[in-house]
PDB file of N, CA and C in Angstrom:
ATOM      1  N   MET A   1     -14.727  12.161  -4.571  1.00  0.00           N
ATOM      2  CA  MET A   1     -15.138  11.396  -5.743  1.00  0.00           C
ATOM      3  C   MET A   1     -14.263  11.775  -6.941  1.00  0.00           C
ATOM      4  N   PRO A   2     -13.965  10.805  -7.771  1.00  0.00           N
ATOM      5  CA  PRO A   2     -13.162  11.094  -8.966  1.00  0.00           C
ATOM      6  C   PRO A   2     -13.964  11.909  -9.977  1.00  0.00           C
ATOM      7  N   ASN A   3     -13.279  12.771 -10.667  1.00  0.00           N
ATOM      8  CA  ASN A   3     -13.950  13.666 -11.612  1.00  0.00           C
ATOM      9  C   ASN A   3     -13.803  13.221 -13.064  1.00  0.00           C
ATOM     10  N   THR A   4     -12.657  12.681 -13.408  1.00  0.00           N
ATOM     11  CA  THR A   4     -12.430  12.315 -14.805  1.00  0.00           C
ATOM     12  C   THR A   4     -12.761  10.849 -15.036  1.00  0.00           C
ATOM     13  N   ARG A   5     -12.958  10.503 -16.299  1.00  0.00           N
ATOM     14  CA  ARG A   5     -13.241   9.109 -16.658  1.00  0.00           C
ATOM     15  C   ARG A   5     -12.114   8.188 -16.221  1.00  0.00           C
ATOM     16  N   SER A   6     -10.887   8.629 -16.449  1.00  0.00           N
ATOM     17  CA  SER A   6      -9.743   7.775 -16.117  1.00  0.00           C
ATOM     18  C   SER A   6      -9.629   7.579 -14.602  1.00  0.00           C
ATOM     19  N   ALA A   7      -9.970   8.611 -13.848  1.00  0.00           N
ATOM     20  CA  ALA A   7      -9.921   8.483 -12.385  1.00  0.00           C
ATOM     21  C   ALA A   7     -10.998   7.523 -11.902  1.00  0.00           C
ATOM     22  N   ARG A   8     -12.180   7.573 -12.516  1.00  0.00           N
ATOM     23  CA  ARG A   8     -13.246   6.635 -12.142  1.00  0.00           C
ATOM     24  C   ARG A   8     -12.817   5.203 -12.453  1.00  0.00           C
ATOM     25  N   LYS A   9     -12.156   5.034 -13.578  1.00  0.00           N
ATOM     26  CA  LYS A   9     -11.685   3.696 -13.944  1.00  0.00           C
ATOM     27  C   LYS A   9     -10.632   3.208 -12.961  1.00  0.00           C
ATOM     28  N   ARG A  10      -9.737   4.095 -12.542  1.00  0.00           N
ATOM     29  CA  ARG A  10      -8.703   3.707 -11.580  1.00  0.00           C
ATOM     30  C   ARG A  10      -9.337   3.269 -10.254  1.00  0.00           C
ATOM     31  N   VAL A  11     -10.428   3.921  -9.865  1.00  0.00           N
ATOM     32  CA  VAL A  11     -11.121   3.535  -8.637  1.00  0.00           C
ATOM     33  C   VAL A  11     -11.668   2.120  -8.787  1.00  0.00           C
ATOM     34  N   ARG A  12     -12.261   1.821  -9.936  1.00  0.00           N
ATOM     35  CA  ARG A  12     -12.791   0.470 -10.178  1.00  0.00           C
ATOM     36  C   ARG A  12     -11.671  -0.565 -10.162  1.00  0.00           C
ATOM     37  N   ILE A  13     -10.570  -0.244 -10.811  1.00  0.00           N
ATOM     38  CA  ILE A  13      -9.445  -1.182 -10.880  1.00  0.00           C
ATOM     39  C   ILE A  13      -8.842  -1.392  -9.493  1.00  0.00           C
ATOM     40  N   ALA A  14      -8.700  -0.309  -8.733  1.00  0.00           N
ATOM     41  CA  ALA A  14      -8.123  -0.417  -7.393  1.00  0.00           C
ATOM     42  C   ALA A  14      -8.996  -1.291  -6.498  1.00  0.00           C
ATOM     43  N   GLU A  15     -10.313  -1.163  -6.611  1.00  0.00           N
ATOM     44  CA  GLU A  15     -11.218  -1.982  -5.805  1.00  0.00           C
ATOM     45  C   GLU A  15     -11.111  -3.451  -6.203  1.00  0.00           C
ATOM     46  N   ARG A  16     -11.054  -3.720  -7.498  1.00  0.00           N
ATOM     47  CA  ARG A  16     -10.913  -5.095  -7.975  1.00  0.00           C
ATOM     48  C   ARG A  16      -9.606  -5.711  -7.458  1.00  0.00           C
ATOM     49  N   ASN A  17      -8.522  -4.946  -7.541  1.00  0.00           N
ATOM     50  CA  ASN A  17      -7.229  -5.435  -7.058  1.00  0.00           C
ATOM     51  C   ASN A  17      -7.232  -5.639  -5.550  1.00  0.00           C
ATOM     52  N   ARG A  18      -7.911  -4.735  -4.817  1.00  0.00           N
ATOM     53  CA  ARG A  18      -7.980  -4.858  -3.372  1.00  0.00           C
ATOM     54  C   ARG A  18      -8.674  -6.161  -2.982  1.00  0.00           C
ATOM     55  N   LEU A  19      -9.761  -6.471  -3.657  1.00  0.00           N
ATOM     56  CA  LEU A  19     -10.487  -7.702  -3.363  1.00  0.00           C
ATOM     57  C   LEU A  19      -9.661  -8.938  -3.708  1.00  0.00           C
ATOM     58  N   ARG A  20      -8.934  -8.877  -4.807  1.00  0.00           N
ATOM     59  CA  ARG A  20      -8.087 -10.002  -5.197  1.00  0.00           C
ATOM     60  C   ARG A  20      -6.971 -10.210  -4.177  1.00  0.00           C
ATOM     61  N   ASN A  21      -6.332  -9.115  -3.743  1.00  0.00           N
ATOM     62  CA  ASN A  21      -5.259  -9.225  -2.747  1.00  0.00           C
ATOM     63  C   ASN A  21      -5.805  -9.749  -1.425  1.00  0.00           C
ATOM     64  N   LYS A  22      -7.005  -9.310  -1.066  1.00  0.00           N
ATOM     65  CA  LYS A  22      -7.639  -9.778   0.159  1.00  0.00           C
ATOM     66  C   LYS A  22      -7.862 -11.287   0.107  1.00  0.00           C
ATOM     67  N   MET A  23      -8.260 -11.783  -1.065  1.00  0.00           N
ATOM     68  CA  MET A  23      -8.492 -13.214  -1.239  1.00  0.00           C
ATOM     69  C   MET A  23      -7.196 -13.996  -0.993  1.00  0.00           C
ATOM     70  N   TYR A  24      -6.102 -13.535  -1.586  1.00  0.00           N
ATOM     71  CA  TYR A  24      -4.829 -14.239  -1.404  1.00  0.00           C
ATOM     72  C   TYR A  24      -4.383 -14.207   0.055  1.00  0.00           C
ATOM     73  N   LYS A  25      -4.527 -13.052   0.710  1.00  0.00           N
ATOM     74  CA  LYS A  25      -4.116 -12.932   2.102  1.00  0.00           C
ATOM     75  C   LYS A  25      -4.965 -13.814   3.007  1.00  0.00           C
ATOM     76  N   THR A  26      -6.253 -13.894   2.719  1.00  0.00           N
ATOM     77  CA  THR A  26      -7.136 -14.754   3.499  1.00  0.00           C
ATOM     78  C   THR A  26      -6.743 -16.209   3.333  1.00  0.00           C
ATOM     79  N   ARG A  27      -6.389 -16.601   2.116  1.00  0.00           N
ATOM     80  CA  ARG A  27      -5.949 -17.979   1.874  1.00  0.00           C
ATOM     81  C   ARG A  27      -4.704 -18.304   2.687  1.00  0.00           C
ATOM     82  N   ILE A  28      -3.788 -17.350   2.789  1.00  0.00           N
ATOM     83  CA  ILE A  28      -2.572 -17.562   3.580  1.00  0.00           C
ATOM     84  C   ILE A  28      -2.937 -17.790   5.043  1.00  0.00           C
ATOM     85  N   LYS A  29      -3.779 -16.910   5.571  1.00  0.00           N
ATOM     86  CA  LYS A  29      -4.152 -17.015   6.985  1.00  0.00           C
ATOM     87  C   LYS A  29      -4.855 -18.336   7.274  1.00  0.00           C
ATOM     88  N   THR A  30      -5.731 -18.749   6.380  1.00  0.00           N
ATOM     89  CA  THR A  30      -6.453 -20.010   6.563  1.00  0.00           C
ATOM     90  C   THR A  30      -5.484 -21.187   6.516  1.00  0.00           C
ATOM     91  N   ALA A  31      -4.563 -21.157   5.566  1.00  0.00           N
ATOM     92  CA  ALA A  31      -3.600 -22.263   5.439  1.00  0.00           C
ATOM     93  C   ALA A  31      -2.716 -22.356   6.672  1.00  0.00           C
ATOM     94  N   ILE A  32      -2.295 -21.215   7.200  1.00  0.00           N
ATOM     95  CA  ILE A  32      -1.446 -21.213   8.393  1.00  0.00           C
ATOM     96  C   ILE A  32      -2.244 -21.715   9.595  1.00  0.00           C
ATOM     97  N   ARG A  33      -3.502 -21.294   9.704  1.00  0.00           N
ATOM     98  CA  ARG A  33      -4.351 -21.753  10.809  1.00  0.00           C
ATOM     99  C   ARG A  33      -4.539 -23.265  10.742  1.00  0.00           C
ATOM    100  N   ARG A  34      -4.748 -23.793   9.540  1.00  0.00           N
ATOM    101  CA  ARG A  34      -4.915 -25.238   9.390  1.00  0.00           C
ATOM    102  C   ARG A  34      -3.620 -25.991   9.710  1.00  0.00           C
ATOM    103  N   LEU A  35      -2.489 -25.377   9.398  1.00  0.00           N
ATOM    104  CA  LEU A  35      -1.209 -25.990   9.767  1.00  0.00           C
ATOM    105  C   LEU A  35      -1.069 -26.038  11.284  1.00  0.00           C
ATOM    106  N   GLU A  36      -1.455 -24.963  11.958  1.00  0.00           N
ATOM    107  CA  GLU A  36      -1.385 -24.945  13.417  1.00  0.00           C
ATOM    108  C   GLU A  36      -2.300 -26.009  14.022  1.00  0.00           C
ATOM    109  N   GLU A  37      -3.469 -26.177  13.418  1.00  0.00           N
ATOM    110  CA  GLU A  37      -4.387 -27.217  13.897  1.00  0.00           C
ATOM    111  C   GLU A  37      -3.782 -28.605  13.696  1.00  0.00           C
ATOM    112  N   ALA A  38      -3.127 -28.804  12.550  1.00  0.00           N
ATOM    113  CA  ALA A  38      -2.482 -30.088  12.287  1.00  0.00           C
ATOM    114  C   ALA A  38      -1.339 -30.325  13.263  1.00  0.00           C
ATOM    115  N   LEU A  39      -0.602 -29.263  13.596  1.00  0.00           N
ATOM    116  CA  LEU A  39       0.496 -29.398  14.552  1.00  0.00           C
ATOM    117  C   LEU A  39      -0.022 -29.809  15.925  1.00  0.00           C
ATOM    118  N   SER A  40      -1.146 -29.248  16.313  1.00  0.00           N
ATOM    119  CA  SER A  40      -1.692 -29.619  17.621  1.00  0.00           C
ATOM    120  C   SER A  40      -2.253 -31.038  17.595  1.00  0.00           C
ATOM    121  N   GLY A  41      -2.682 -31.491  16.407  1.00  0.00           N
ATOM    122  CA  GLY A  41      -3.185 -32.858  16.271  1.00  0.00           C
ATOM    123  C   GLY A  41      -2.085 -33.897  16.344  1.00  0.00           C
ATOM    124  N   GLY A  42      -0.951 -33.590  15.727  1.00  0.00           N
ATOM    125  CA  GLY A  42       0.196 -34.483  15.822  1.00  0.00           C
ATOM    126  C   GLY A  42       0.344 -35.491  14.695  1.00  0.00           C
ATOM    127  N   ASP A  43      -0.559 -35.519  13.723  1.00  0.00           N
ATOM    128  CA  ASP A  43      -0.459 -36.464  12.613  1.00  0.00           C
ATOM    129  C   ASP A  43       0.552 -35.939  11.589  1.00  0.00           C
ATOM    130  N   ASP A  44       1.640 -36.694  11.384  1.00  0.00           N
ATOM    131  CA  ASP A  44       2.717 -36.227  10.501  1.00  0.00           C
ATOM    132  C   ASP A  44       2.261 -36.025   9.066  1.00  0.00           C
ATOM    133  N   ASP A  45       1.404 -36.907   8.557  1.00  0.00           N
ATOM    134  CA  ASP A  45       0.931 -36.753   7.183  1.00  0.00           C
ATOM    135  C   ASP A  45       0.097 -35.481   7.032  1.00  0.00           C
ATOM    136  N   ALA A  46      -0.743 -35.212   8.009  1.00  0.00           N
ATOM    137  CA  ALA A  46      -1.572 -34.009   7.978  1.00  0.00           C
ATOM    138  C   ALA A  46      -0.700 -32.764   8.077  1.00  0.00           C
ATOM    139  N   ILE A  47       0.347 -32.833   8.877  1.00  0.00           N
ATOM    140  CA  ILE A  47       1.256 -31.696   9.022  1.00  0.00           C
ATOM    141  C   ILE A  47       1.970 -31.422   7.705  1.00  0.00           C
ATOM    142  N   ARG A  48       2.475 -32.489   7.070  1.00  0.00           N
ATOM    143  CA  ARG A  48       3.164 -32.311   5.787  1.00  0.00           C
ATOM    144  C   ARG A  48       2.249 -31.707   4.738  1.00  0.00           C
ATOM    145  N   ALA A  49       1.015 -32.207   4.659  1.00  0.00           N
ATOM    146  CA  ALA A  49       0.060 -31.691   3.670  1.00  0.00           C
ATOM    147  C   ALA A  49      -0.291 -30.242   3.958  1.00  0.00           C
ATOM    148  N   ALA A  50      -0.517 -29.920   5.226  1.00  0.00           N
ATOM    149  CA  ALA A  50      -0.870 -28.546   5.597  1.00  0.00           C
ATOM    150  C   ALA A  50       0.297 -27.600   5.338  1.00  0.00           C
ATOM    151  N   LEU A  51       1.507 -28.075   5.608  1.00  0.00           N
ATOM    152  CA  LEU A  51       2.693 -27.248   5.350  1.00  0.00           C
ATOM    153  C   LEU A  51       2.831 -26.975   3.865  1.00  0.00           C
ATOM    154  N   ARG A  52       2.640 -28.004   3.056  1.00  0.00           N
ATOM    155  CA  ARG A  52       2.750 -27.836   1.606  1.00  0.00           C
ATOM    156  C   ARG A  52       1.725 -26.809   1.108  1.00  0.00           C
ATOM    157  N   ARG A  53       0.495 -26.903   1.611  1.00  0.00           N
ATOM    158  CA  ARG A  53      -0.545 -25.953   1.201  1.00  0.00           C
ATOM    159  C   ARG A  53      -0.222 -24.534   1.662  1.00  0.00           C
ATOM    160  N   ALA A  54       0.294 -24.406   2.881  1.00  0.00           N
ATOM    161  CA  ALA A  54       0.615 -23.077   3.412  1.00  0.00           C
ATOM    162  C   ALA A  54       1.745 -22.426   2.618  1.00  0.00           C
ATOM    163  N   LEU A  55       2.798 -23.190   2.361  1.00  0.00           N
ATOM    164  CA  LEU A  55       3.922 -22.634   1.604  1.00  0.00           C
ATOM    165  C   LEU A  55       3.495 -22.268   0.184  1.00  0.00           C
ATOM    166  N   SER A  56       2.653 -23.096  -0.403  1.00  0.00           N
ATOM    167  CA  SER A  56       2.156 -22.819  -1.740  1.00  0.00           C
ATOM    168  C   SER A  56       1.319 -21.540  -1.769  1.00  0.00           C
ATOM    169  N   ALA A  57       0.452 -21.373  -0.776  1.00  0.00           N
ATOM    170  CA  ALA A  57      -0.394 -20.175  -0.719  1.00  0.00           C
ATOM    171  C   ALA A  57       0.456 -18.927  -0.540  1.00  0.00           C
ATOM    172  N   ILE A  58       1.489 -19.015   0.292  1.00  0.00           N
ATOM    173  CA  ILE A  58       2.375 -17.870   0.513  1.00  0.00           C
ATOM    174  C   ILE A  58       3.123 -17.525  -0.769  1.00  0.00           C
ATOM    175  N   ASP A  59       3.674 -18.540  -1.428  1.00  0.00           N
ATOM    176  CA  ASP A  59       4.403 -18.297  -2.676  1.00  0.00           C
ATOM    177  C   ASP A  59       3.495 -17.712  -3.751  1.00  0.00           C
ATOM    178  N   ARG A  60       2.302 -18.246  -3.863  1.00  0.00           N
ATOM    179  CA  ARG A  60       1.364 -17.769  -4.877  1.00  0.00           C
ATOM    180  C   ARG A  60       1.007 -16.295  -4.648  1.00  0.00           C
ATOM    181  N   ALA A  61       0.782 -15.918  -3.396  1.00  0.00           N
ATOM    182  CA  ALA A  61       0.450 -14.526  -3.086  1.00  0.00           C
ATOM    183  C   ALA A  61       1.627 -13.607  -3.410  1.00  0.00           C
ATOM    184  N   ALA A  62       2.839 -14.073  -3.157  1.00  0.00           N
ATOM    185  CA  ALA A  62       4.018 -13.252  -3.434  1.00  0.00           C
ATOM    186  C   ALA A  62       4.207 -13.068  -4.939  1.00  0.00           C
ATOM    187  N   VAL A  63       4.006 -14.144  -5.694  1.00  0.00           N
ATOM    188  CA  VAL A  63       4.166 -14.061  -7.149  1.00  0.00           C
ATOM    189  C   VAL A  63       3.127 -13.106  -7.749  1.00  0.00           C
ATOM    190  N   ARG A  64       1.911 -13.143  -7.199  1.00  0.00           N
ATOM    191  CA  ARG A  64       0.836 -12.291  -7.712  1.00  0.00           C
ATOM    192  C   ARG A  64       0.957 -10.846  -7.238  1.00  0.00           C
ATOM    193  N   GLY A  65       1.835 -10.600  -6.265  1.00  0.00           N
ATOM    194  CA  GLY A  65       2.027  -9.235  -5.786  1.00  0.00           C
ATOM    195  C   GLY A  65       1.100  -8.848  -4.650  1.00  0.00           C
ATOM    196  N   ALA A  66       0.372  -9.800  -4.085  1.00  0.00           N
ATOM    197  CA  ALA A  66      -0.521  -9.489  -2.975  1.00  0.00           C
ATOM    198  C   ALA A  66       0.282  -9.189  -1.714  1.00  0.00           C
ATOM    199  N   ILE A  67       1.426  -9.862  -1.560  1.00  0.00           N
ATOM    200  CA  ILE A  67       2.349  -9.566  -0.469  1.00  0.00           C
ATOM    201  C   ILE A  67       3.750  -9.438  -1.061  1.00  0.00           C
ATOM    202  N   HIS A  68       4.609  -8.753  -0.357  1.00  0.00           N
ATOM    203  CA  HIS A  68       5.979  -8.562  -0.823  1.00  0.00           C
ATOM    204  C   HIS A  68       6.751  -9.868  -0.686  1.00  0.00           C
ATOM    205  N   ARG A  69       7.741 -10.064  -1.532  1.00  0.00           N
ATOM    206  CA  ARG A  69       8.489 -11.328  -1.506  1.00  0.00           C
ATOM    207  C   ARG A  69       9.253 -11.499  -0.202  1.00  0.00           C
ATOM    208  N   ASN A  70       9.696 -10.405   0.408  1.00  0.00           N
ATOM    209  CA  ASN A  70      10.377 -10.532   1.701  1.00  0.00           C
ATOM    210  C   ASN A  70       9.401 -10.940   2.794  1.00  0.00           C
ATOM    211  N   THR A  71       8.167 -10.464   2.703  1.00  0.00           N
ATOM    212  CA  THR A  71       7.140 -10.863   3.657  1.00  0.00           C
ATOM    213  C   THR A  71       6.865 -12.349   3.517  1.00  0.00           C
ATOM    214  N   ALA A  72       6.800 -12.816   2.281  1.00  0.00           N
ATOM    215  CA  ALA A  72       6.581 -14.241   2.028  1.00  0.00           C
ATOM    216  C   ALA A  72       7.724 -15.062   2.612  1.00  0.00           C
ATOM    217  N   ALA A  73       8.951 -14.619   2.392  1.00  0.00           N
ATOM    218  CA  ALA A  73      10.115 -15.339   2.904  1.00  0.00           C
ATOM    219  C   ALA A  73      10.091 -15.373   4.425  1.00  0.00           C
ATOM    220  N   ARG A  74       9.704 -14.266   5.049  1.00  0.00           N
ATOM    221  CA  ARG A  74       9.651 -14.202   6.503  1.00  0.00           C
ATOM    222  C   ARG A  74       8.592 -15.155   7.064  1.00  0.00           C
ATOM    223  N   LYS A  75       7.414 -15.166   6.437  1.00  0.00           N
ATOM    224  CA  LYS A  75       6.344 -16.060   6.884  1.00  0.00           C
ATOM    225  C   LYS A  75       6.772 -17.524   6.762  1.00  0.00           C
ATOM    226  N   LYS A  76       7.373 -17.874   5.633  1.00  0.00           N
ATOM    227  CA  LYS A  76       7.815 -19.251   5.419  1.00  0.00           C
ATOM    228  C   LYS A  76       8.907 -19.625   6.416  1.00  0.00           C
ATOM    229  N   SER A  77       9.815 -18.704   6.673  1.00  0.00           N
ATOM    230  CA  SER A  77      10.897 -18.966   7.602  1.00  0.00           C
ATOM    231  C   SER A  77      10.357 -19.213   9.007  1.00  0.00           C
ATOM    232  N   ARG A  78       9.394 -18.410   9.420  1.00  0.00           N
ATOM    233  CA  ARG A  78       8.836 -18.573  10.759  1.00  0.00           C
ATOM    234  C   ARG A  78       8.072 -19.886  10.898  1.00  0.00           C
ATOM    235  N   LEU A  79       7.378 -20.280   9.838  1.00  0.00           N
ATOM    236  CA  LEU A  79       6.687 -21.566   9.873  1.00  0.00           C
ATOM    237  C   LEU A  79       7.691 -22.708  10.025  1.00  0.00           C
ATOM    238  N   MET A  80       8.764 -22.641   9.257  1.00  0.00           N
ATOM    239  CA  MET A  80       9.763 -23.701   9.316  1.00  0.00           C
ATOM    240  C   MET A  80      10.466 -23.720  10.677  1.00  0.00           C
ATOM    241  N   GLN A  81      10.688 -22.556  11.267  1.00  0.00           N
ATOM    242  CA  GLN A  81      11.297 -22.498  12.595  1.00  0.00           C
ATOM    243  C   GLN A  81      10.408 -23.182  13.625  1.00  0.00           C
ATOM    244  N   ARG A  82       9.096 -22.956  13.521  1.00  0.00           N
ATOM    245  CA  ARG A  82       8.177 -23.584  14.467  1.00  0.00           C
ATOM    246  C   ARG A  82       8.158 -25.092  14.288  1.00  0.00           C
ATOM    247  N   LEU A  83       8.194 -25.546  13.047  1.00  0.00           N
ATOM    248  CA  LEU A  83       8.223 -26.986  12.800  1.00  0.00           C
ATOM    249  C   LEU A  83       9.505 -27.596  13.354  1.00  0.00           C
ATOM    250  N   LYS A  84      10.612 -26.914  13.124  1.00  0.00           N
ATOM    251  CA  LYS A  84      11.903 -27.417  13.589  1.00  0.00           C
ATOM    252  C   LYS A  84      11.946 -27.464  15.116  1.00  0.00           C
ATOM    253  N   LYS A  85      11.361 -26.442  15.741  1.00  0.00           N
ATOM    254  CA  LYS A  85      11.334 -26.381  17.200  1.00  0.00           C
ATOM    255  C   LYS A  85      10.554 -27.569  17.777  1.00  0.00           C
ATOM    256  N   LEU A  86       9.501 -27.996  17.066  1.00  0.00           N
ATOM    257  CA  LEU A  86       8.724 -29.138  17.523  1.00  0.00           C
ATOM    258  C   LEU A  86       9.334 -30.465  17.083  1.00  0.00           C
ATOM    259  N   GLY A  87      10.422 -30.391  16.299  1.00  0.00           N
ATOM    260  CA  GLY A  87      11.068 -31.607  15.838  1.00  0.00           C
ATOM    261  C   GLY A  87      10.293 -32.321  14.740  1.00  0.00           C
ATOM    262  N   ARG A  88       9.543 -31.548  13.948  1.00  0.00           N
ATOM    263  CA  ARG A  88       8.704 -32.141  12.916  1.00  0.00           C
ATOM    264  C   ARG A  88       9.085 -31.674  11.509  1.00  0.00           C
ATOM    265  N   ALA A  89      10.234 -31.043  11.359  1.00  0.00           N
ATOM    266  CA  ALA A  89      10.641 -30.579  10.037  1.00  0.00           C
ATOM    267  C   ALA A  89      10.905 -31.769   9.134  1.00  0.00           C
ATOM    268  N   SER A  90      10.402 -31.670   7.903  1.00  0.00           N
ATOM    269  CA  SER A  90      10.602 -32.769   6.972  1.00  0.00           C
ATOM    270  C   SER A  90      11.051 -32.269   5.635  1.00  0.00           C
TER     271      SER A  90
END
């Protein structure tokens, strides 16, 4: 347990930040899952919309510091590779 006032405050801040980062990471996972569902469905409009949401969620998390920018770039690159492999890149 923290002993000083400042240490107690840091614990509160760290918990708040952890929850915020968790929210961004969860949004990324959900967006990617929805993109995969759209890919299996085959509707091009749904795929484009899901891709836009996924890329936006990844970029937003990177800007906020929830994930590293290289991690964001890697995730986006892998998504685009999968789309290209299926011949659905737009």
